[in-house]
Amino acid sequence: MSQPGIWEQNKGNPGFSDKTLSGVQFASALLAAFEAGQVKDRQPLEFAARRLIAEQAADGAWRIEPDSALGSPTTWGTTLTTSMAMKVLQQDGSAKSIEASSRTSLSCVAAAA
């Protein structure tokens, strides 16, 4: 969990894999481990935040299943994905994360619904 550089090596069925979604899910799990004190080093969280910023859409959201902003019982939608990515960026607190956060408003996600 504390090695975000190798998260993409996770093998899954390519037909059901979404790079953006898996990145946000791994980053969210890392954030939970950090907040619980299980991961003490901030460096993996900072690295994960930079990766999330790279996946951010121009409107500030993290787009998953564009036809369904809310998601479904089996996957995260754009709204939840964006909210969880924002939590990681807020905890990171770097200048780049703050700037990326300022591009995001969940109203941009609601517009996709």
Protein backbone atom coordinates (compact mmCIF):
# COMPACT_ATOMS: atom_id res chain seq x y z
CA MET A 1 0.00 0.00 0.00
CA SER A 2 2.82 2.42 0.78
CA GLN A 3 4.41 1.98 -2.66
CA PRO A 4 2.19 3.90 -5.09
CA GLY A 5 4.82 3.60 -7.80
CA ILE A 6 3.93 -0.06 -8.31
CA TRP A 7 0.13 0.17 -8.07
CA GLU A 8 -0.22 -0.10 -11.84
CA GLN A 9 1.41 -3.53 -11.71
CA ASN A 10 -1.75 -4.88 -10.08
CA LYS A 11 -3.06 -7.39 -12.60
CA GLY A 12 -6.75 -7.40 -13.27
CA ASN A 13 -9.02 -8.15 -16.16
CA PRO A 14 -8.30 -5.32 -18.64
CA GLY A 15 -11.95 -5.23 -19.64
CA PHE A 16 -12.89 -4.26 -16.11
CA SER A 17 -9.89 -2.14 -15.17
CA ASP A 18 -9.97 1.64 -15.02
CA LYS A 19 -6.63 3.32 -14.33
CA THR A 20 -8.20 6.45 -12.86
CA LEU A 21 -10.59 4.55 -10.63
CA SER A 22 -7.95 2.16 -9.33
CA GLY A 23 -5.57 5.05 -8.66
CA VAL A 24 -8.16 6.87 -6.57
CA GLN A 25 -9.12 3.67 -4.73
CA PHE A 26 -5.51 2.85 -3.87
CA ALA A 27 -4.83 6.46 -2.83
CA SER A 28 -7.94 6.43 -0.63
CA ALA A 29 -6.81 3.21 1.05
CA LEU A 30 -3.36 4.70 1.58
CA LEU A 31 -4.95 7.81 3.12
CA ALA A 32 -6.99 5.64 5.50
CA ALA A 33 -3.83 3.74 6.51
CA PHE A 34 -1.99 7.04 7.02
CA GLU A 35 -4.80 8.50 9.14
CA ALA A 36 -4.91 5.30 11.22
CA GLY A 37 -1.17 5.50 11.85
CA GLN A 38 -0.42 2.33 9.91
CA VAL A 39 1.64 4.29 7.37
CA LYS A 40 3.83 6.92 9.00
CA ASP A 41 5.81 8.25 6.03
CA ARG A 42 4.08 11.10 4.13
CA GLN A 43 6.12 10.51 0.98
CA PRO A 44 3.84 7.79 -0.49
CA LEU A 45 0.82 10.03 0.11
CA GLU A 46 2.56 12.92 -1.66
CA PHE A 47 3.44 10.63 -4.58
CA ALA A 48 -0.14 9.34 -4.76
CA ALA A 49 -1.48 12.92 -4.78
CA ARG A 50 0.77 13.82 -7.73
CA ARG A 51 -0.56 10.79 -9.62
CA LEU A 52 -4.14 11.81 -8.90
CA ILE A 53 -3.49 15.32 -10.18
CA ALA A 54 -2.21 13.83 -13.44
CA GLU A 55 -5.54 11.99 -13.87
CA GLN A 56 -7.74 15.01 -13.11
CA ALA A 57 -10.01 16.11 -15.97
CA ALA A 58 -9.96 19.70 -17.24
CA ASP A 59 -13.19 20.48 -15.38
CA GLY A 60 -11.61 19.38 -12.08
CA ALA A 61 -13.36 16.01 -11.76
CA TRP A 62 -12.05 12.48 -11.93
CA ARG A 63 -14.29 11.04 -14.64
CA ILE A 64 -15.54 7.47 -14.21
CA GLU A 65 -18.38 6.08 -16.29
CA PRO A 66 -19.38 9.42 -17.83
CA ASP A 67 -22.93 8.24 -18.43
CA SER A 68 -23.48 7.62 -14.71
CA ALA A 69 -22.04 10.28 -12.42
CA LEU A 70 -23.34 8.55 -9.30
CA GLY A 71 -21.97 5.10 -10.05
CA SER A 72 -23.67 1.82 -9.29
CA PRO A 73 -23.65 -0.82 -6.55
CA THR A 74 -20.59 -2.37 -8.21
CA THR A 75 -18.43 0.65 -9.00
CA TRP A 76 -17.66 4.19 -8.00
CA GLY A 77 -19.06 6.93 -10.17
CA THR A 78 -17.57 10.32 -10.95
CA THR A 79 -19.06 11.98 -7.85
CA LEU A 80 -17.62 9.51 -5.34
CA THR A 81 -14.31 9.23 -7.19
CA THR A 82 -13.89 13.02 -7.21
CA SER A 83 -14.83 13.31 -3.55
CA MET A 84 -12.34 10.63 -2.51
CA ALA A 85 -9.56 12.12 -4.67
CA MET A 86 -10.21 15.51 -3.05
CA LYS A 87 -9.72 14.00 0.42
CA VAL A 88 -6.28 12.73 -0.61
CA LEU A 89 -5.31 16.11 -2.06
CA GLN A 90 -6.51 17.95 1.04
CA GLN A 91 -4.45 15.72 3.32
CA ASP A 92 -1.39 16.15 1.10
CA GLY A 93 -1.67 19.94 1.28
CA SER A 94 1.14 20.64 -1.20
CA ALA A 95 0.91 23.71 -3.45
CA LYS A 96 0.06 21.49 -6.45
CA SER A 97 -2.67 19.69 -4.49
CA ILE A 98 -4.16 22.98 -3.31
CA GLU A 99 -4.15 24.29 -6.88
CA ALA A 100 -5.79 21.08 -8.17
CA SER A 101 -8.37 21.30 -5.39
CA SER A 102 -9.24 24.83 -6.42
CA ARG A 103 -10.13 23.53 -9.91
CA THR A 104 -12.58 21.08 -8.42
CA SER A 105 -16.07 21.70 -7.29
CA LEU A 106 -18.52 18.89 -6.94
CA SER A 107 -20.94 21.03 -8.95
CA CYS A 108 -18.90 20.08 -12.03
CA VAL A 109 -19.69 16.47 -11.21
CA ALA A 110 -23.40 17.15 -10.70
CA ALA A 111 -23.50 18.65 -14.19
CA ALA A 112 -22.53 15.26 -15.59
CA ALA A 113 -25.56 13.57 -14.03
